[in-house]
N, C-alpha and C. Protein backbone atom coordinates (compact mmCIF):
# COMPACT_ATOMS: atom_id res chain seq x y z
N MET A 1 14.25 4.47 26.53
CA MET A 1 13.79 3.22 25.96
C MET A 1 13.63 2.16 27.05
N TYR A 2 14.63 2.00 27.90
CA TYR A 2 14.54 0.97 28.94
C TYR A 2 13.50 1.34 29.99
N PHE A 3 13.34 2.63 30.23
CA PHE A 3 12.28 3.08 31.13
C PHE A 3 10.92 2.68 30.57
N TYR A 4 10.75 2.82 29.26
CA TYR A 4 9.50 2.40 28.61
C TYR A 4 9.26 0.91 28.83
N TYR A 5 10.28 0.08 28.63
CA TYR A 5 10.13 -1.37 28.84
C TYR A 5 9.74 -1.68 30.28
N ALA A 6 10.34 -1.00 31.23
CA ALA A 6 10.00 -1.22 32.63
C ALA A 6 8.55 -0.83 32.91
N LEU A 7 8.10 0.28 32.32
CA LEU A 7 6.71 0.70 32.52
C LEU A 7 5.72 -0.29 31.92
N THR A 8 6.03 -0.82 30.74
CA THR A 8 5.09 -1.75 30.11
C THR A 8 5.01 -3.07 30.86
N VAL A 9 6.08 -3.44 31.54
CA VAL A 9 6.03 -4.65 32.36
C VAL A 9 5.13 -4.42 33.57
N CYS A 10 5.23 -3.23 34.15
CA CYS A 10 4.44 -2.92 35.35
C CYS A 10 2.98 -2.64 35.02
N ALA A 11 2.72 -1.95 33.91
CA ALA A 11 1.34 -1.59 33.57
C ALA A 11 1.20 -1.48 32.06
N ARG A 12 0.26 -2.21 31.50
CA ARG A 12 0.06 -2.22 30.05
C ARG A 12 -0.47 -0.88 29.52
N ARG A 13 -0.97 0.00 30.38
CA ARG A 13 -1.54 1.25 29.89
C ARG A 13 -0.49 2.16 29.26
N TYR A 14 0.78 1.87 29.50
CA TYR A 14 1.85 2.68 28.91
C TYR A 14 2.28 2.18 27.53
N ALA A 15 1.69 1.12 27.06
CA ALA A 15 2.09 0.55 25.77
C ALA A 15 1.64 1.40 24.59
N TRP A 16 0.79 2.37 24.79
CA TRP A 16 0.29 3.17 23.67
C TRP A 16 1.38 3.99 23.00
N TRP A 17 2.45 4.28 23.68
CA TRP A 17 3.49 5.11 23.07
C TRP A 17 4.67 4.32 22.54
N ARG A 18 4.49 3.00 22.35
CA ARG A 18 5.59 2.17 21.83
C ARG A 18 5.98 2.57 20.41
N LYS A 19 5.00 2.98 19.60
CA LYS A 19 5.31 3.41 18.24
C LYS A 19 6.22 4.64 18.27
N HIS A 20 5.97 5.54 19.21
CA HIS A 20 6.78 6.75 19.31
C HIS A 20 8.20 6.44 19.78
N VAL A 21 8.35 5.45 20.62
CA VAL A 21 9.69 5.05 21.07
C VAL A 21 10.50 4.56 19.87
N THR A 22 9.87 3.76 19.00
CA THR A 22 10.56 3.27 17.81
C THR A 22 10.90 4.41 16.87
N GLN A 23 9.99 5.38 16.70
CA GLN A 23 10.27 6.53 15.85
C GLN A 23 11.44 7.35 16.38
N ILE A 24 11.50 7.51 17.68
CA ILE A 24 12.61 8.25 18.28
C ILE A 24 13.93 7.50 18.08
N GLN A 25 13.89 6.19 18.16
CA GLN A 25 15.11 5.41 17.93
C GLN A 25 15.57 5.54 16.47
N LEU A 26 14.62 5.54 15.53
CA LEU A 26 14.98 5.72 14.13
C LEU A 26 15.61 7.10 13.91
N LEU A 27 15.04 8.12 14.52
CA LEU A 27 15.60 9.46 14.42
C LEU A 27 17.00 9.50 15.03
N GLN A 28 17.19 8.81 16.13
CA GLN A 28 18.50 8.76 16.77
C GLN A 28 19.55 8.18 15.83
N PHE A 29 19.23 7.11 15.11
CA PHE A 29 20.19 6.52 14.19
C PHE A 29 20.54 7.47 13.05
N VAL A 30 19.55 8.18 12.52
CA VAL A 30 19.81 9.15 11.45
C VAL A 30 20.72 10.26 11.97
N LEU A 31 20.41 10.79 13.13
CA LEU A 31 21.25 11.84 13.71
C LEU A 31 22.66 11.34 14.01
N ASP A 32 22.77 10.11 14.47
CA ASP A 32 24.10 9.53 14.73
C ASP A 32 24.95 9.52 13.47
N ILE A 33 24.35 9.13 12.34
CA ILE A 33 25.11 9.08 11.09
C ILE A 33 25.54 10.48 10.67
N PHE A 34 24.64 11.47 10.79
CA PHE A 34 25.02 12.85 10.46
C PHE A 34 26.16 13.33 11.35
N VAL A 35 26.10 13.04 12.62
CA VAL A 35 27.15 13.47 13.54
C VAL A 35 28.47 12.78 13.19
N MET A 36 28.42 11.50 12.84
CA MET A 36 29.65 10.80 12.48
C MET A 36 30.30 11.42 11.25
N PHE A 37 29.49 11.75 10.23
CA PHE A 37 30.06 12.37 9.03
C PHE A 37 30.59 13.77 9.34
N TYR A 38 29.85 14.53 10.10
CA TYR A 38 30.32 15.87 10.46
C TYR A 38 31.63 15.79 11.23
N HIS A 39 31.67 14.92 12.20
CA HIS A 39 32.87 14.81 13.03
C HIS A 39 34.07 14.35 12.21
N GLN A 40 33.86 13.45 11.28
CA GLN A 40 34.97 12.91 10.49
C GLN A 40 35.51 13.94 9.49
N TYR A 41 34.61 14.70 8.86
CA TYR A 41 35.04 15.55 7.76
C TYR A 41 35.14 17.03 8.10
N GLN A 42 34.59 17.46 9.22
CA GLN A 42 34.63 18.88 9.56
C GLN A 42 35.58 19.21 10.71
N THR A 43 35.96 18.23 11.45
CA THR A 43 36.87 18.47 12.57
C THR A 43 38.07 17.53 12.42
N PRO A 44 39.24 17.98 12.84
CA PRO A 44 40.39 17.08 12.78
C PRO A 44 40.20 15.92 13.75
N CYS A 45 40.37 14.73 13.22
CA CYS A 45 40.14 13.55 14.05
C CYS A 45 41.23 12.52 13.74
N PRO A 46 41.91 12.04 14.76
CA PRO A 46 42.97 11.05 14.53
C PRO A 46 42.44 9.64 14.30
N MET A 47 41.13 9.46 14.37
CA MET A 47 40.56 8.12 14.21
C MET A 47 40.75 7.63 12.77
N PRO A 48 41.18 6.40 12.58
CA PRO A 48 41.32 5.86 11.22
C PRO A 48 39.98 5.85 10.48
N LEU A 49 40.04 6.07 9.19
CA LEU A 49 38.83 6.12 8.37
C LEU A 49 38.09 4.79 8.38
N SER A 50 38.82 3.68 8.51
CA SER A 50 38.17 2.37 8.53
C SER A 50 37.25 2.22 9.74
N ILE A 51 37.64 2.76 10.86
CA ILE A 51 36.80 2.70 12.06
C ILE A 51 35.56 3.56 11.86
N HIS A 52 35.74 4.71 11.24
CA HIS A 52 34.60 5.58 10.94
C HIS A 52 33.58 4.85 10.07
N TRP A 53 34.03 4.23 9.00
CA TRP A 53 33.11 3.54 8.10
C TRP A 53 32.47 2.33 8.75
N PHE A 54 33.19 1.66 9.63
CA PHE A 54 32.61 0.54 10.37
C PHE A 54 31.47 1.03 11.27
N ALA A 55 31.68 2.16 11.93
CA ALA A 55 30.63 2.74 12.79
C ALA A 55 29.42 3.16 11.97
N VAL A 56 29.65 3.77 10.81
CA VAL A 56 28.54 4.17 9.94
C VAL A 56 27.78 2.94 9.46
N LEU A 57 28.50 1.91 9.06
CA LEU A 57 27.86 0.68 8.58
C LEU A 57 27.04 0.01 9.69
N THR A 58 27.60 -0.03 10.89
CA THR A 58 26.88 -0.63 12.02
C THR A 58 25.61 0.15 12.33
N THR A 59 25.71 1.46 12.37
CA THR A 59 24.54 2.30 12.66
C THR A 59 23.51 2.19 11.55
N ALA A 60 23.95 2.16 10.30
CA ALA A 60 23.01 2.01 9.18
C ALA A 60 22.32 0.65 9.22
N THR A 61 23.03 -0.37 9.65
CA THR A 61 22.43 -1.70 9.79
C THR A 61 21.35 -1.70 10.86
N PHE A 62 21.65 -1.08 12.00
CA PHE A 62 20.64 -0.97 13.06
C PHE A 62 19.43 -0.18 12.58
N PHE A 63 19.69 0.90 11.84
CA PHE A 63 18.58 1.69 11.29
C PHE A 63 17.72 0.82 10.38
N GLY A 64 18.35 0.05 9.51
CA GLY A 64 17.60 -0.82 8.61
C GLY A 64 16.78 -1.86 9.35
N LEU A 65 17.35 -2.45 10.38
CA LEU A 65 16.62 -3.45 11.16
C LEU A 65 15.44 -2.83 11.91
N PHE A 66 15.65 -1.66 12.50
CA PHE A 66 14.56 -0.99 13.20
C PHE A 66 13.48 -0.53 12.22
N MET A 67 13.88 -0.07 11.03
CA MET A 67 12.90 0.34 10.02
C MET A 67 12.09 -0.85 9.54
N ASP A 68 12.74 -1.98 9.36
CA ASP A 68 12.03 -3.20 8.97
C ASP A 68 11.00 -3.57 10.03
N PHE A 69 11.42 -3.53 11.29
CA PHE A 69 10.48 -3.81 12.39
C PHE A 69 9.33 -2.81 12.39
N TYR A 70 9.66 -1.53 12.22
CA TYR A 70 8.63 -0.48 12.25
C TYR A 70 7.61 -0.70 11.14
N LEU A 71 8.07 -0.99 9.93
CA LEU A 71 7.15 -1.18 8.81
C LEU A 71 6.30 -2.43 8.98
N LYS A 72 6.89 -3.49 9.52
CA LYS A 72 6.11 -4.71 9.75
C LYS A 72 5.11 -4.54 10.88
N ARG A 73 5.50 -3.82 11.91
CA ARG A 73 4.64 -3.67 13.09
C ARG A 73 3.60 -2.57 12.91
N TYR A 74 4.01 -1.44 12.34
CA TYR A 74 3.12 -0.28 12.25
C TYR A 74 2.92 0.18 10.81
N GLY A 75 3.03 -0.74 9.85
CA GLY A 75 2.92 -0.38 8.44
C GLY A 75 1.68 0.42 8.13
N SER A 76 1.68 1.01 6.97
CA SER A 76 0.56 1.87 6.59
C SER A 76 -0.73 1.07 6.42
N LYS A 77 -1.85 1.77 6.44
CA LYS A 77 -3.15 1.13 6.28
C LYS A 77 -3.30 0.55 4.88
N ILE A 78 -2.64 1.14 3.91
CA ILE A 78 -2.71 0.64 2.53
C ILE A 78 -2.11 -0.75 2.46
N GLN A 79 -1.00 -0.98 3.13
CA GLN A 79 -0.37 -2.30 3.13
C GLN A 79 -1.27 -3.32 3.80
N LYS A 80 -1.99 -2.93 4.84
CA LYS A 80 -2.85 -3.86 5.55
C LYS A 80 -4.05 -4.28 4.71
N VAL A 81 -4.54 -3.38 3.86
CA VAL A 81 -5.68 -3.70 3.00
C VAL A 81 -5.26 -4.67 1.92
N ILE A 82 -4.09 -4.45 1.35
CA ILE A 82 -3.59 -5.32 0.28
C ILE A 82 -3.13 -6.60 0.90
């Protein structure tokens, strides 16, 4: 992600893949939540459950914010017509 930002500062021709960077970040948040649930419930973990739920809530919040950005920035063509 930061490499992408550095490239776009140096040359605008790399900006075409910004949508894909956001999609990869959204996928990362979904995978993070799956890993957190798997780790908490499938493996013995001394971490308190409250910390687990705080991490899930934080990650879900970031996912929601990135999804909101994605829909506003790259929303479907149907939304743009309406």
